[in-house]
N, C-alpha and C. Protein backbone atom coordinates (compact mmCIF):
# COMPACT_ATOMS: atom_id res chain seq x y z
N ALA A 1 0.69 -1.12 -0.09
CA ALA A 1 0.04 0.08 -0.04
C ALA A 1 0.85 1.23 0.22
N ALA A 2 1.90 1.22 0.56
CA ALA A 2 3.01 2.27 0.80
C ALA A 2 3.65 2.69 -0.39
N LEU A 3 3.90 1.71 -1.30
CA LEU A 3 4.24 1.76 -2.68
C LEU A 3 3.53 2.72 -3.35
N PHE A 4 2.22 2.05 -3.47
CA PHE A 4 1.23 2.80 -4.29
C PHE A 4 0.70 4.51 -3.61
N LYS A 5 1.00 4.86 -2.47
CA LYS A 5 0.97 5.80 -2.17
C LYS A 5 2.12 6.69 -2.86
N VAL A 6 3.25 6.47 -2.85
CA VAL A 6 4.36 7.17 -3.25
C VAL A 6 4.31 7.19 -4.71
N ILE A 7 3.79 6.22 -5.70
CA ILE A 7 3.39 6.20 -6.97
C ILE A 7 2.53 7.33 -7.44
N LEU A 8 1.79 7.40 -6.46
CA LEU A 8 0.48 8.42 -6.59
C LEU A 8 1.27 9.85 -6.82
N THR A 9 2.33 10.30 -6.01
CA THR A 9 2.81 11.57 -5.88
C THR A 9 3.66 12.14 -7.21
N GLU A 10 3.91 10.79 -7.72
CA GLU A 10 4.58 10.71 -9.30
C GLU A 10 6.14 11.28 -9.09
N PRO A 11 6.81 10.74 -8.19
CA PRO A 11 8.31 11.25 -8.16
C PRO A 11 8.76 10.47 -9.48
N ASP A 12 10.12 11.35 -9.81
CA ASP A 12 10.87 10.60 -10.97
C ASP A 12 11.79 9.25 -10.82
N VAL A 13 12.10 9.22 -9.39
CA VAL A 13 12.87 8.01 -8.93
C VAL A 13 12.17 7.68 -7.75
N ILE A 14 12.10 6.20 -7.73
CA ILE A 14 11.88 5.33 -6.77
C ILE A 14 12.79 4.59 -6.37
N LEU A 15 13.35 4.83 -5.06
CA LEU A 15 14.22 3.47 -4.70
C LEU A 15 13.51 2.56 -3.57
N LEU A 16 13.65 1.21 -4.18
CA LEU A 16 12.98 0.24 -3.15
C LEU A 16 14.13 -0.70 -2.68
N ASP A 17 14.21 -1.25 -1.41
CA ASP A 17 15.09 -1.81 -1.05
C ASP A 17 14.62 -3.31 -0.64
N GLU A 18 14.92 -4.57 -1.19
CA GLU A 18 13.94 -5.61 -1.17
C GLU A 18 12.70 -5.74 -1.10
N PRO A 19 11.91 -5.27 -2.15
CA PRO A 19 10.43 -4.91 -2.20
C PRO A 19 9.48 -6.13 -2.45
N THR A 20 10.43 -7.54 -3.08
CA THR A 20 9.50 -8.64 -3.13
C THR A 20 10.09 -9.59 -2.05
N LYS A 21 10.61 -9.37 -1.25
CA LYS A 21 11.34 -9.84 -0.01
C LYS A 21 9.82 -10.62 0.82
N GLY A 22 9.68 -11.91 0.83
CA GLY A 22 8.30 -12.64 1.71
C GLY A 22 7.37 -12.90 0.72
N LEU A 23 7.25 -12.05 -0.49
CA LEU A 23 6.13 -12.31 -1.13
C LEU A 23 6.18 -13.52 -2.09
N ASP A 24 4.76 -13.81 -2.43
CA ASP A 24 4.66 -15.26 -2.87
C ASP A 24 4.82 -14.86 -4.39
N PRO A 25 4.93 -15.98 -5.27
CA PRO A 25 5.24 -15.65 -6.78
C PRO A 25 4.29 -14.82 -7.31
N PHE A 26 3.05 -15.08 -7.04
CA PHE A 26 2.09 -14.06 -7.77
C PHE A 26 1.89 -12.57 -7.14
N ALA A 27 2.22 -12.33 -6.27
CA ALA A 27 2.40 -10.85 -5.82
C ALA A 27 3.59 -10.46 -6.47
N LYS A 28 4.67 -11.13 -6.63
CA LYS A 28 6.10 -10.78 -7.35
C LYS A 28 5.52 -10.42 -8.85
N GLU A 29 4.98 -11.13 -9.38
CA GLU A 29 4.72 -11.07 -10.58
C GLU A 29 3.45 -9.51 -10.89
N GLU A 30 2.91 -9.25 -9.82
CA GLU A 30 2.09 -8.13 -9.90
C GLU A 30 2.80 -6.79 -9.67
N LEU A 31 3.94 -7.04 -8.69
CA LEU A 31 4.72 -5.74 -8.36
C LEU A 31 5.57 -5.60 -9.56
N GLY A 32 5.98 -6.71 -10.31
CA GLY A 32 6.78 -6.54 -11.62
C GLY A 32 6.30 -5.80 -12.70
N ALA A 33 5.04 -6.10 -13.06
CA ALA A 33 4.22 -5.39 -13.94
C ALA A 33 4.03 -3.97 -13.40
N ALA A 34 3.48 -3.43 -12.03
CA ALA A 34 3.68 -2.41 -11.73
C ALA A 34 4.96 -1.37 -11.80
N PHE A 35 6.09 -2.33 -11.76
CA PHE A 35 7.40 -1.46 -12.08
C PHE A 35 7.66 -1.49 -13.45
N GLN A 36 7.22 -2.34 -14.21
CA GLN A 36 7.61 -2.06 -15.76
C GLN A 36 6.86 -1.02 -16.23
N GLU A 37 5.15 -0.91 -15.64
CA GLU A 37 4.57 0.16 -16.27
C GLU A 37 5.08 1.67 -15.79
N TRP A 38 5.88 1.61 -14.35
CA TRP A 38 6.17 2.64 -14.13
C TRP A 38 7.60 3.04 -15.09
N THR A 39 8.37 2.28 -15.26
CA THR A 39 9.56 2.62 -16.01
C THR A 39 9.15 3.09 -17.63
N ALA A 40 8.03 2.43 -17.92
CA ALA A 40 7.76 2.61 -19.42
C ALA A 40 7.10 4.05 -19.48
N GLN A 41 6.83 4.66 -18.56
CA GLN A 41 6.48 5.84 -18.59
C GLN A 41 7.67 7.17 -18.25
N GLY A 42 8.93 6.47 -18.20
CA GLY A 42 10.37 7.27 -18.22
C GLY A 42 10.75 7.35 -17.04
N LYS A 43 10.10 6.74 -15.92
CA LYS A 43 10.51 6.97 -14.57
C LYS A 43 11.67 5.96 -14.22
N CYS A 44 12.47 6.43 -13.18
CA CYS A 44 13.47 5.68 -12.87
C CYS A 44 13.34 4.82 -11.78
N LEU A 45 13.76 3.67 -11.43
CA LEU A 45 13.29 2.58 -10.38
C LEU A 45 14.77 2.07 -10.20
N VAL A 46 14.92 2.41 -8.93
CA VAL A 46 16.72 1.73 -7.95
C VAL A 46 16.04 0.79 -7.28
N LEU A 47 16.47 -0.69 -7.46
CA LEU A 47 16.32 -1.44 -7.01
C LEU A 47 17.55 -2.41 -6.38
N VAL A 48 16.94 -2.38 -4.73
CA VAL A 48 18.08 -2.91 -4.22
C VAL A 48 17.54 -4.27 -3.48
N THR A 49 18.39 -5.42 -4.29
CA THR A 49 17.61 -6.82 -3.74
C THR A 49 19.01 -7.79 -4.03
N HIS A 50 18.52 -9.15 -3.27
CA HIS A 50 19.58 -10.37 -3.53
C HIS A 50 18.84 -11.42 -4.33
N ASP A 51 17.82 -10.78 -4.79
CA ASP A 51 16.84 -11.85 -5.49
C ASP A 51 17.33 -11.82 -7.01
N LEU A 52 18.49 -12.36 -7.51
CA LEU A 52 18.87 -12.52 -9.27
C LEU A 52 17.74 -12.66 -9.97
N GLY A 53 16.70 -13.45 -9.77
CA GLY A 53 15.54 -13.66 -10.79
C GLY A 53 14.65 -12.25 -10.94
N VAL A 54 14.65 -11.55 -9.54
CA VAL A 54 14.02 -10.16 -9.57
C VAL A 54 14.69 -9.17 -10.52
N ALA A 55 16.15 -9.09 -10.49
CA ALA A 55 16.95 -8.33 -10.96
C ALA A 55 16.99 -8.38 -12.54
N SER A 56 17.05 -9.85 -12.80
CA SER A 56 16.94 -10.22 -14.18
C SER A 56 15.75 -9.92 -15.21
N GLN A 57 14.48 -9.68 -14.18
CA GLN A 57 13.50 -9.37 -14.95
C GLN A 57 13.00 -8.02 -15.05
N MET A 58 13.70 -7.39 -13.90
CA MET A 58 13.23 -5.85 -13.75
C MET A 58 13.94 -4.97 -13.89
N CYS A 59 15.41 -5.29 -14.42
CA CYS A 59 16.48 -4.50 -14.44
C CYS A 59 17.08 -4.20 -15.89
N ASP A 60 17.39 -3.01 -16.15
CA ASP A 60 18.13 -2.86 -17.20
C ASP A 60 19.67 -2.66 -17.09
N HIS A 61 19.84 -2.41 -16.08
CA HIS A 61 20.99 -2.02 -15.46
C HIS A 61 21.61 -2.79 -14.00
N ILE A 62 22.44 -3.22 -14.07
CA ILE A 62 22.80 -3.92 -12.43
C ILE A 62 24.42 -3.51 -12.00
N ALA A 63 24.53 -3.14 -10.86
CA ALA A 63 25.74 -3.10 -10.16
C ALA A 63 25.86 -3.87 -9.19
N VAL A 64 26.74 -5.03 -9.25
CA VAL A 64 26.84 -6.06 -8.33
C VAL A 64 27.78 -5.78 -7.04
N MET A 65 27.48 -5.68 -5.91
CA MET A 65 28.05 -5.19 -4.37
C MET A 65 28.48 -6.29 -3.76
N TYR A 66 29.35 -6.14 -3.30
CA TYR A 66 30.13 -6.94 -2.21
C TYR A 66 30.90 -6.47 -0.95
N ALA A 67 30.43 -6.45 0.10
CA ALA A 67 31.13 -5.67 1.18
C ALA A 67 30.96 -3.91 1.13
N GLY A 68 29.95 -3.64 0.44
CA GLY A 68 30.10 -2.29 0.45
C GLY A 68 30.64 -1.70 -0.55
N ARG A 69 31.09 -2.44 -1.49
CA ARG A 69 31.72 -1.59 -2.96
C ARG A 69 31.07 -2.40 -4.20
N ILE A 70 31.09 -1.53 -4.91
CA ILE A 70 30.57 -2.22 -6.62
C ILE A 70 31.85 -2.83 -7.15
N MET A 71 31.34 -4.41 -7.40
CA MET A 71 32.39 -5.12 -7.84
C MET A 71 32.08 -5.12 -9.27
N GLU A 72 30.82 -5.11 -9.94
CA GLU A 72 30.82 -5.02 -11.29
C GLU A 72 29.42 -4.17 -11.43
N MET A 73 29.56 -3.58 -12.87
CA MET A 73 28.31 -2.88 -13.17
C MET A 73 28.39 -2.83 -14.73
N ALA A 74 27.03 -3.27 -15.19
CA ALA A 74 26.89 -3.44 -16.59
C ALA A 74 25.27 -3.39 -16.82
N SER A 75 24.83 -3.61 -18.12
CA SER A 75 23.67 -4.04 -18.46
C SER A 75 23.31 -5.42 -17.68
N ALA A 76 22.17 -5.34 -17.55
CA ALA A 76 21.92 -7.01 -17.11
C ALA A 76 21.93 -7.90 -17.95
N ASP A 77 21.87 -8.01 -18.99
CA ASP A 77 22.47 -8.86 -20.01
C ASP A 77 23.57 -9.19 -20.01
N GLU A 78 24.54 -8.16 -20.13
CA GLU A 78 25.95 -8.30 -19.79
C GLU A 78 26.32 -9.13 -18.58
N ILE A 79 25.75 -8.90 -17.25
CA ILE A 79 26.08 -9.35 -15.97
C ILE A 79 25.63 -10.79 -16.13
N PHE A 80 24.54 -11.19 -16.80
CA PHE A 80 24.03 -12.54 -16.59
C PHE A 80 24.79 -13.57 -17.61
N GLU A 81 25.05 -12.67 -18.81
CA GLU A 81 25.53 -13.53 -19.70
C GLU A 81 27.25 -13.77 -19.70
N ARG A 82 27.73 -12.55 -19.33
CA ARG A 82 28.99 -12.64 -19.49
C ARG A 82 29.53 -11.99 -18.13
N PRO A 83 29.53 -12.65 -17.28
CA PRO A 83 30.34 -11.98 -15.63
C PRO A 83 31.61 -11.70 -15.80
N GLN A 84 32.32 -10.55 -15.58
CA GLN A 84 33.70 -9.98 -15.40
C GLN A 84 34.20 -9.70 -14.00
N ASN A 85 33.41 -10.46 -13.43
CA ASN A 85 34.11 -10.30 -11.90
C ASN A 85 34.03 -11.84 -11.13
N PRO A 86 35.01 -12.44 -10.40
CA PRO A 86 35.02 -13.31 -9.80
C PRO A 86 33.26 -13.76 -8.42
N TYR A 87 33.18 -12.54 -8.11
CA TYR A 87 32.18 -12.65 -7.24
C TYR A 87 31.01 -12.90 -8.04
N THR A 88 30.52 -12.11 -8.87
CA THR A 88 29.61 -12.30 -9.83
C THR A 88 29.52 -13.62 -10.55
N TYR A 89 30.71 -13.99 -11.10
CA TYR A 89 30.76 -15.46 -11.47
C TYR A 89 30.13 -16.62 -10.88
N GLY A 90 30.51 -16.21 -9.76
CA GLY A 90 30.19 -17.13 -8.29
C GLY A 90 28.78 -17.15 -8.26
N LEU A 91 28.04 -15.85 -8.12
CA LEU A 91 26.58 -15.88 -8.02
C LEU A 91 25.77 -16.22 -9.02
N MET A 92 26.22 -16.35 -10.44
CA MET A 92 25.74 -16.81 -11.63
C MET A 92 26.00 -18.13 -11.58
N ARG A 93 26.89 -18.60 -11.27
CA ARG A 93 27.12 -20.18 -11.12
C ARG A 93 26.12 -20.87 -9.91
N ALA A 94 25.77 -20.10 -8.94
CA ALA A 94 24.81 -20.74 -7.85
C ALA A 94 23.46 -20.59 -8.22
N ILE A 95 23.24 -20.00 -9.48
CA ILE A 95 21.79 -19.97 -9.95
C ILE A 95 21.05 -21.58 -10.30
N PRO A 96 20.00 -22.09 -9.47
CA PRO A 96 19.63 -23.25 -9.99
C PRO A 96 19.28 -23.45 -11.56
N SER A 97 19.72 -24.37 -11.98
CA SER A 97 19.33 -24.63 -13.44
C SER A 97 18.86 -26.03 -13.89
N LEU A 98 18.08 -26.22 -14.63
CA LEU A 98 17.34 -27.41 -14.96
C LEU A 98 18.50 -28.28 -16.03
N GLN A 99 19.20 -27.51 -16.59
CA GLN A 99 20.47 -27.88 -17.57
C GLN A 99 21.27 -28.78 -16.44
N ARG A 100 21.62 -28.27 -15.32
CA ARG A 100 22.53 -29.09 -14.31
C ARG A 100 21.69 -29.98 -13.11
N LYS A 101 20.45 -30.32 -13.86
CA LYS A 101 19.64 -31.62 -12.85
C LYS A 101 20.38 -32.44 -12.55
N GLY A 102 20.36 -32.53 -11.35
CA GLY A 102 21.10 -33.59 -10.82
C GLY A 102 22.58 -33.54 -10.23
N GLN A 103 23.18 -32.30 -10.71
CA GLN A 103 24.24 -31.74 -10.30
C GLN A 103 24.23 -30.99 -8.80
N LYS A 104 25.36 -31.05 -8.02
CA LYS A 104 25.36 -30.53 -6.79
C LYS A 104 25.37 -29.08 -7.22
N LEU A 105 24.70 -28.25 -6.46
CA LEU A 105 24.49 -26.70 -6.48
C LEU A 105 25.92 -26.15 -6.04
N TYR A 106 26.32 -25.24 -6.81
CA TYR A 106 27.40 -24.71 -6.42
C TYR A 106 27.22 -23.61 -5.42
N SER A 107 28.41 -23.27 -4.51
CA SER A 107 28.16 -22.12 -3.72
C SER A 107 29.56 -21.54 -3.37
N ILE A 108 29.47 -20.20 -3.22
CA ILE A 108 31.14 -19.74 -2.90
C ILE A 108 31.51 -20.10 -1.63
N ASP A 109 32.71 -20.65 -1.78
CA ASP A 109 33.29 -21.28 -0.50
C ASP A 109 33.72 -19.98 0.59
N GLY A 110 33.42 -19.85 1.87
CA GLY A 110 34.11 -19.13 2.94
C GLY A 110 32.92 -18.44 3.11
N MET A 111 33.41 -17.34 3.71
CA MET A 111 31.94 -16.25 4.64
C MET A 111 32.51 -15.07 4.11
N PRO A 112 31.49 -14.32 3.98
CA PRO A 112 31.63 -12.73 3.99
C PRO A 112 32.51 -12.23 5.10
N PRO A 113 33.12 -11.05 4.67
CA PRO A 113 34.13 -10.51 5.64
C PRO A 113 33.08 -10.04 6.88
N ASN A 114 33.78 -9.09 7.82
CA ASN A 114 33.38 -8.50 8.74
C ASN A 114 33.50 -7.27 8.40
N LEU A 115 32.80 -6.51 8.53
CA LEU A 115 32.70 -4.86 7.71
C LEU A 115 33.65 -4.07 8.66
N ASN A 116 33.68 -4.66 10.10
CA ASN A 116 34.37 -3.78 10.87
C ASN A 116 35.88 -4.28 10.96
N ASP A 117 36.10 -5.39 10.42
CA ASP A 117 37.71 -6.07 10.27
C ASP A 117 37.75 -6.47 8.80
N MET A 118 37.58 -5.59 7.79
CA MET A 118 38.11 -6.01 6.45
C MET A 118 39.37 -6.17 5.86
N PRO A 119 39.73 -7.47 5.27
CA PRO A 119 40.82 -7.97 4.79
C PRO A 119 41.39 -6.84 3.84
N SER A 120 42.87 -6.70 3.89
CA SER A 120 43.55 -5.63 3.11
C SER A 120 43.31 -6.28 1.64
N GLY A 121 43.62 -5.00 0.71
CA GLY A 121 43.40 -5.66 -0.84
C GLY A 121 41.80 -5.74 -0.93
N CYS A 122 41.73 -6.54 -2.00
CA CYS A 122 40.05 -6.98 -2.40
C CYS A 122 39.35 -7.77 -1.25
N ALA A 123 38.48 -7.21 -1.27
CA ALA A 123 37.38 -7.78 0.30
C ALA A 123 37.07 -9.03 -0.18
N PHE A 124 36.89 -9.60 -1.71
CA PHE A 124 36.63 -10.71 -1.83
C PHE A 124 37.82 -11.79 -2.15
N SER A 125 39.09 -11.36 -1.85
CA SER A 125 40.20 -12.11 -1.92
C SER A 125 39.92 -13.54 -1.06
N PRO A 126 39.54 -13.68 0.28
CA PRO A 126 39.71 -14.69 0.86
C PRO A 126 38.90 -15.89 0.35
N ARG A 127 37.83 -15.39 -0.43
CA ARG A 127 36.82 -16.35 -1.16
C ARG A 127 37.12 -16.64 -2.54
N CYS A 128 37.88 -15.94 -3.10
CA CYS A 128 38.09 -15.97 -4.76
C CYS A 128 39.10 -16.98 -5.15
N GLU A 129 38.63 -17.91 -5.76
CA GLU A 129 39.47 -18.91 -6.60
C GLU A 129 40.40 -18.75 -7.75
N PHE A 130 40.41 -17.30 -7.93
CA PHE A 130 41.09 -16.77 -8.90
C PHE A 130 42.31 -15.96 -8.16
N CYS A 131 42.47 -15.76 -6.77
CA CYS A 131 43.01 -14.91 -5.99
C CYS A 131 44.42 -15.02 -6.23
N GLU A 132 45.17 -13.84 -6.45
CA GLU A 132 46.47 -13.89 -6.41
C GLU A 132 47.23 -13.06 -5.70
N GLU A 133 48.38 -13.09 -5.45
CA GLU A 133 49.06 -12.18 -4.07
C GLU A 133 48.66 -10.61 -4.09
N ILE A 134 48.71 -10.22 -5.15
CA ILE A 134 48.19 -8.74 -5.61
C ILE A 134 46.81 -8.19 -4.72
N CYS A 135 45.94 -9.37 -5.29
CA CYS A 135 44.78 -9.26 -4.48
C CYS A 135 44.61 -9.09 -2.77
N LYS A 136 45.33 -9.67 -2.46
CA LYS A 136 45.35 -9.74 -0.60
C LYS A 136 46.18 -8.16 -0.38
N GLN A 137 46.80 -7.74 -1.54
CA GLN A 137 47.71 -6.34 -0.88
C GLN A 137 46.69 -5.23 -1.41
N LYS A 138 46.56 -5.16 -2.72
CA LYS A 138 46.00 -3.98 -3.44
C LYS A 138 44.40 -4.10 -3.54
N VAL A 139 43.49 -3.08 -3.09
CA VAL A 139 42.13 -2.90 -3.71
C VAL A 139 42.31 -2.41 -5.14
N PRO A 140 41.62 -3.87 -5.91
CA PRO A 140 41.57 -3.20 -7.19
C PRO A 140 40.51 -2.51 -7.54
N GLU A 141 40.84 -1.33 -8.85
CA GLU A 141 39.96 -0.19 -9.12
C GLU A 141 39.06 -0.56 -10.22
N LEU A 142 37.95 0.15 -10.12
CA LEU A 142 36.86 -0.21 -11.02
C LEU A 142 37.15 0.23 -12.53
N LYS A 143 37.28 -0.66 -13.23
CA LYS A 143 37.99 -0.42 -14.52
C LYS A 143 36.75 -0.76 -15.28
N GLU A 144 36.80 -0.12 -16.83
CA GLU A 144 35.87 -0.77 -18.00
C GLU A 144 36.90 -1.55 -18.61
N ILE A 145 35.98 -2.95 -18.48
CA ILE A 145 36.39 -4.01 -19.49
C ILE A 145 36.24 -4.14 -20.44
N THR A 146 34.98 -3.85 -21.11
CA THR A 146 34.36 -3.75 -22.49
C THR A 146 33.27 -2.35 -22.47
N PRO A 147 33.10 -1.91 -23.60
CA PRO A 147 32.19 -0.68 -23.45
C PRO A 147 30.99 -0.56 -22.35
N SER A 148 30.83 0.03 -21.48
CA SER A 148 29.86 0.31 -20.34
C SER A 148 29.58 -1.03 -19.88
N HIS A 149 30.81 -1.80 -19.62
CA HIS A 149 30.75 -3.04 -18.31
C HIS A 149 32.27 -2.62 -17.53
N TYR A 150 31.98 -2.43 -16.55
CA TYR A 150 33.08 -2.33 -15.43
C TYR A 150 32.98 -3.26 -14.39
N SER A 151 34.34 -3.49 -13.92
CA SER A 151 34.68 -4.77 -13.09
C SER A 151 35.92 -4.15 -12.07
N ARG A 152 35.75 -4.64 -10.78
CA ARG A 152 36.79 -4.45 -9.57
C ARG A 152 37.56 -5.68 -9.49
N CYS A 153 38.72 -5.88 -10.38
CA CYS A 153 39.38 -7.21 -10.05
C CYS A 153 40.63 -7.19 -10.55
N HIS A 154 41.85 -7.69 -10.06
CA HIS A 154 42.94 -7.84 -10.54
C HIS A 154 43.14 -9.17 -11.79
N CYS A 155 42.33 -10.02 -11.47
CA CYS A 155 42.43 -11.34 -12.11
C CYS A 155 41.18 -11.58 -13.06
N ILE A 156 41.07 -10.33 -13.93
CA ILE A 156 40.07 -10.66 -15.22
C ILE A 156 40.46 -11.82 -16.14
N GLU A 157 41.63 -11.69 -16.75
CA GLU A 157 42.12 -12.74 -17.42
C GLU A 157 41.84 -14.20 -16.79
N LYS A 158 42.41 -14.80 -15.92
CA LYS A 158 42.05 -15.98 -15.26
C LYS A 158 40.52 -16.18 -15.26
N LEU A 159 39.65 -15.23 -14.91
CA LEU A 159 38.27 -15.71 -14.72
C LEU A 159 37.85 -15.65 -16.38
N GLN A 160 38.46 -15.00 -17.24
CA GLN A 160 37.71 -15.02 -18.88
C GLN A 160 38.16 -16.78 -19.17
N LYS A 161 39.34 -16.87 -19.16
CA LYS A 161 39.82 -18.08 -19.47
C LYS A 161 39.06 -19.32 -19.01
N ALA A 162 38.86 -19.20 -17.47
CA ALA A 162 37.82 -20.09 -16.64
C ALA A 162 36.48 -20.34 -17.23
N ARG A 163 35.77 -19.16 -17.47
CA ARG A 163 34.68 -18.95 -18.12
C ARG A 163 34.32 -19.67 -19.71
N LYS A 164 35.70 -19.40 -20.45
CA LYS A 164 35.54 -19.98 -21.65
C LYS A 164 35.99 -21.47 -21.65
N GLU A 165 36.67 -21.94 -20.58
CA GLU A 165 36.88 -23.37 -20.65
C GLU A 165 35.42 -24.16 -20.03
N ALA A 166 35.10 -23.59 -19.33
CA ALA A 166 33.60 -24.28 -18.72
C ALA A 166 32.50 -24.16 -19.90
N LYS A 167 32.58 -23.22 -20.64
CA LYS A 167 31.52 -23.25 -21.85
C LYS A 167 31.79 -24.33 -22.59
N GLU A 168 33.25 -24.04 -23.01
CA GLU A 168 33.61 -25.30 -24.16
C GLU A 168 33.16 -26.67 -23.63
N ILE A 169 33.28 -27.16 -22.17
CA ILE A 169 33.06 -28.36 -22.03
C ILE A 169 31.58 -28.47 -21.25
N GLY A 170 30.82 -27.40 -21.31
CA GLY A 170 29.21 -27.30 -21.00
C GLY A 170 29.30 -27.60 -19.65
N GLY A 171 30.15 -27.10 -18.80
CA GLY A 171 30.25 -27.15 -17.40
C GLY A 171 29.25 -26.15 -16.70
N ASN A 172 29.62 -25.82 -15.63
CA ASN A 172 28.89 -24.78 -14.82
C ASN A 172 29.06 -23.60 -14.87
N GLY A 173 29.87 -23.04 -15.69
CA GLY A 173 30.56 -21.78 -15.95
C GLY A 173 29.89 -20.54 -16.50
N GLU A 174 28.86 -20.79 -17.05
CA GLU A 174 27.77 -19.94 -17.91
C GLU A 174 26.26 -20.22 -17.24
């Protein structure tokens, strides 16, 4: 109800934090239709969510965050089809798929960092399968990898090689 009161005031931007949390699939679909109608009017919707399904259906552009930092930023299609950061890659591999029916679900090893005691270097380095020594020492900059696709990682080449190999063998990489 509160969302519809906000929409009635016709702001140009709405920020929603976990708007689909606890909703059943029907309510999610109804809310998604309302969001699409809103954005079709040229309005901006900023969505904060852990639900990758919601993000894939409702977002044109995505910024993936880890420990308070943007790790990757691109169009939704680019994020889901060609992740360019090990954290995003791990998230994509963890999405259940009928193509991998019967296989063990993938999960990213380790635990997120304590935000009061962050590791030096890249916050994701203790959990990253591509981690090198530089990752433990220096925070990577957010760099443009391809036009309008940004990633914060020292090991992009290793990630791209792993994605290519996984795709070639039909593995759990894409």
